């Protein structure tokens, strides 16, 4: 085993070009026509065919949403009815006195939609729910507990927009 192996650079001392052929070949990116996709512009045709087939090469595409709205992962009543035995077996739902208790956030869903029907009596807790889902569950004897209802959100917004009341208390004192 070689203990003190010489570096490649030291072996090149005195070779004038250090193994790069002519001196002009080992200078910057100009030797290769630029870096990356340089040279795909107006003039020479070397790289044009490679960019013609790429629809995302020119221009800006899309945007990044700055919305703070939660990502909705919805589930239908029909899917709940089909998945209920598996959830009970996995411990994601439980049954007491013939009523299945389900917290959909533990299962990975945050919105309940009203497509389909439940054939078992359930007590469902969820972040968001459609009106149709709540009505269908109520008609079947099941209950839905919604953590963040749209009505609460709308009432908070309407209170903030009441005429004569300002959201800023300092401006209210200035008027008086």
Protein backbone atom coordinates (compact mmCIF):
# COMPACT_ATOMS: atom_id res chain seq x y z
CA UNK A 1 0.00 0.00 0.00
CA UNK A 2 1.34 3.41 -0.97
CA UNK A 3 1.43 5.65 2.08
CA UNK A 4 2.34 8.98 0.53
CA UNK A 5 0.90 9.00 -2.97
CA UNK A 6 1.88 11.99 -5.07
CA UNK A 7 -0.89 14.28 -6.27
CA UNK A 8 -1.75 14.36 -9.96
CA UNK A 9 -1.01 18.07 -10.07
CA UNK A 10 2.58 17.60 -9.00
CA UNK A 11 3.05 15.01 -11.72
CA UNK A 12 2.04 17.61 -14.31
CA UNK A 13 4.74 20.10 -13.38
CA UNK A 14 6.77 21.10 -16.41
CA UNK A 15 4.31 19.67 -18.95
CA UNK A 16 3.23 23.15 -20.16
CA UNK A 17 -0.48 22.28 -20.62
CA UNK A 18 -1.03 19.92 -17.67
CA UNK A 19 -2.69 17.30 -19.86
CA UNK A 20 -5.27 19.53 -21.54
CA UNK A 21 -3.77 19.57 -25.02
CA UNK A 22 -3.47 23.02 -26.53
CA UNK A 23 -3.52 25.91 -24.05
CA UNK A 24 -6.65 27.35 -25.65
CA UNK A 25 -8.67 24.24 -24.75
CA UNK A 26 -8.52 24.75 -20.98
CA UNK A 27 -9.97 28.19 -20.58
CA UNK A 28 -13.41 28.94 -19.13
CA UNK A 29 -16.72 27.99 -20.69
CA UNK A 30 -15.90 29.76 -23.95
CA UNK A 31 -14.19 26.62 -25.12
CA UNK A 32 -17.47 24.71 -24.99
CA UNK A 33 -19.73 27.50 -26.22
CA UNK A 34 -20.96 28.69 -22.85
CA UNK A 35 -22.46 27.04 -19.83
CA UNK A 36 -25.79 25.25 -19.71
CA UNK A 37 -28.12 26.04 -22.57
CA UNK A 38 -26.13 28.98 -23.84
CA UNK A 39 -26.03 29.32 -27.60
CA UNK A 40 -29.69 28.53 -28.13
CA UNK A 41 -30.49 32.05 -29.26
CA UNK A 42 -30.84 33.76 -32.62
CA UNK A 43 -27.65 33.02 -34.38
CA UNK A 44 -26.17 29.55 -34.81
CA UNK A 45 -28.38 26.50 -35.23
CA UNK A 46 -26.41 23.99 -33.19
CA UNK A 47 -28.75 23.80 -30.20
CA UNK A 48 -32.01 25.01 -31.70
CA UNK A 49 -33.43 21.60 -32.55
CA UNK A 50 -32.91 20.47 -28.96
CA UNK A 51 -35.00 23.34 -27.56
CA UNK A 52 -37.75 23.26 -30.18
CA UNK A 53 -39.12 20.08 -28.65
CA UNK A 54 -39.19 21.48 -25.11
CA UNK A 55 -42.45 23.40 -24.51
CA UNK A 56 -41.23 24.72 -21.14
CA UNK A 57 -37.99 26.25 -22.42
CA UNK A 58 -39.25 29.79 -23.13
CA UNK A 59 -41.33 32.00 -20.88
CA UNK A 60 -42.66 31.77 -17.36
CA UNK A 61 -45.04 29.04 -16.34
CA UNK A 62 -47.56 28.93 -13.52
CA UNK A 63 -47.46 30.63 -10.17
CA UNK A 64 -46.99 29.82 -6.51
CA UNK A 65 -50.18 30.16 -4.52
CA UNK A 66 -49.79 32.32 -1.44
CA UNK A 67 -53.21 31.31 -0.16
CA UNK A 68 -53.40 30.19 3.43
CA UNK A 69 -56.46 28.07 2.73
CA UNK A 70 -56.01 24.52 4.00
CA UNK A 71 -55.50 21.71 1.53
CA UNK A 72 -58.78 19.84 1.28
CA UNK A 73 -58.70 16.05 1.41
CA UNK A 74 -62.34 15.04 1.02
CA UNK A 75 -64.24 11.80 1.49
CA UNK A 76 -67.78 10.74 0.54
CA UNK A 77 -70.37 9.07 2.74
CA UNK A 78 -70.26 6.05 0.42
CA UNK A 79 -66.52 5.61 0.99
CA UNK A 80 -66.96 5.88 4.76
CA UNK A 81 -69.65 3.20 4.64
CA UNK A 82 -67.36 0.89 2.66
CA UNK A 83 -64.25 1.55 4.77
CA UNK A 84 -65.83 1.43 8.22
CA UNK A 85 -65.08 -2.27 9.04
CA UNK A 86 -61.42 -1.83 8.05
CA UNK A 87 -61.10 1.33 10.16
CA UNK A 88 -62.58 -0.43 13.21
CA UNK A 89 -60.14 -3.32 12.72
CA UNK A 90 -57.22 -0.85 12.43
CA UNK A 91 -58.33 1.11 15.52
CA UNK A 92 -59.11 4.33 13.59
CA UNK A 93 -62.80 4.11 14.53
CA UNK A 94 -64.64 2.47 17.43
CA UNK A 95 -68.13 1.19 18.14
CA UNK A 96 -70.18 1.89 21.26
CA UNK A 97 -73.83 0.83 21.68
CA UNK A 98 -74.27 0.26 17.95
CA UNK A 99 -72.90 3.73 17.02
CA UNK A 100 -69.60 4.05 15.17
CA UNK A 101 -67.44 6.97 16.34
CA UNK A 102 -65.07 8.28 13.65
CA UNK A 103 -62.62 11.18 13.73
CA UNK A 104 -61.88 11.71 10.04
CA UNK A 105 -58.73 13.74 10.75
CA UNK A 106 -57.16 10.63 12.29
CA UNK A 107 -58.02 8.71 9.12
CA UNK A 108 -56.45 11.45 6.97
CA UNK A 109 -59.47 13.39 5.69
CA UNK A 110 -60.61 16.90 6.56
CA UNK A 111 -63.84 17.36 4.59
CA UNK A 112 -67.01 15.29 4.40
CA UNK A 113 -69.01 15.24 1.16
CA UNK A 114 -72.58 14.00 0.76
CA UNK A 115 -72.33 11.56 -2.13
CA UNK A 116 -73.70 8.11 -1.28
CA UNK A 117 -75.32 7.03 1.96
CA UNK A 118 -74.45 5.56 5.34
CA UNK A 119 -76.12 2.27 6.26
CA UNK A 120 -74.78 2.25 9.80
CA UNK A 121 -75.37 4.78 12.56
CA UNK A 122 -72.29 6.98 12.93
CA UNK A 123 -70.98 9.90 14.92
CA UNK A 124 -68.49 11.70 12.68
CA UNK A 125 -66.05 14.46 13.69
CA UNK A 126 -64.46 16.42 10.84
CA UNK A 127 -62.91 19.84 10.14
CA UNK A 128 -65.19 20.80 7.21
CA UNK A 129 -68.40 19.40 5.78
CA UNK A 130 -70.86 20.13 3.00
CA UNK A 131 -74.47 20.97 3.90
CA UNK A 132 -75.70 17.97 1.92
CA UNK A 133 -73.51 15.60 3.95
CA UNK A 134 -74.85 16.99 7.23
CA UNK A 135 -78.45 16.71 6.03
CA UNK A 136 -78.03 13.14 4.76
CA UNK A 137 -76.39 12.03 7.99
CA UNK A 138 -79.16 13.65 10.05
CA UNK A 139 -81.86 11.94 7.98
CA UNK A 140 -80.19 8.57 8.64
CA UNK A 141 -79.87 9.19 12.39
CA UNK A 142 -76.12 9.91 12.32
CA UNK A 143 -74.47 13.04 13.69
CA UNK A 144 -71.72 15.19 12.20
CA UNK A 145 -69.58 17.47 14.37
CA UNK A 146 -67.86 20.14 12.30
CA UNK A 147 -64.86 21.83 13.87
CA UNK A 148 -64.61 24.81 11.50
CA UNK A 149 -67.98 25.66 10.00
CA UNK A 150 -68.40 28.16 7.18
CA UNK A 151 -71.23 29.90 9.10
CA UNK A 152 -68.90 30.87 11.97
CA UNK A 153 -66.42 32.24 9.48
CA UNK A 154 -69.12 34.26 7.68
CA UNK A 155 -70.49 35.72 10.92
CA UNK A 156 -67.01 36.84 11.98
CA UNK A 157 -66.53 38.54 8.60
CA UNK A 158 -69.96 40.23 8.73
CA UNK A 159 -69.30 41.59 12.24
CA UNK A 160 -66.04 43.09 11.04
CA UNK A 161 -67.83 44.77 8.10
CA UNK A 162 -70.73 46.31 10.08
CA UNK A 163 -71.25 49.96 9.15
CA UNK A 164 -70.20 52.49 11.75
CA UNK A 165 -67.76 50.10 13.39
CA UNK A 166 -64.14 50.16 12.48
CA UNK A 167 -61.77 47.26 12.88
CA UNK A 168 -59.17 49.69 14.26
CA UNK A 169 -60.15 51.02 17.74
CA UNK A 170 -57.71 53.96 17.46
CA UNK A 171 -59.55 55.34 14.43
CA UNK A 172 -62.87 54.91 16.30
CA UNK A 173 -61.58 57.12 19.15
CA UNK A 174 -60.38 59.74 16.68
CA UNK A 175 -63.90 60.08 15.22
CA UNK A 176 -65.39 60.73 18.67
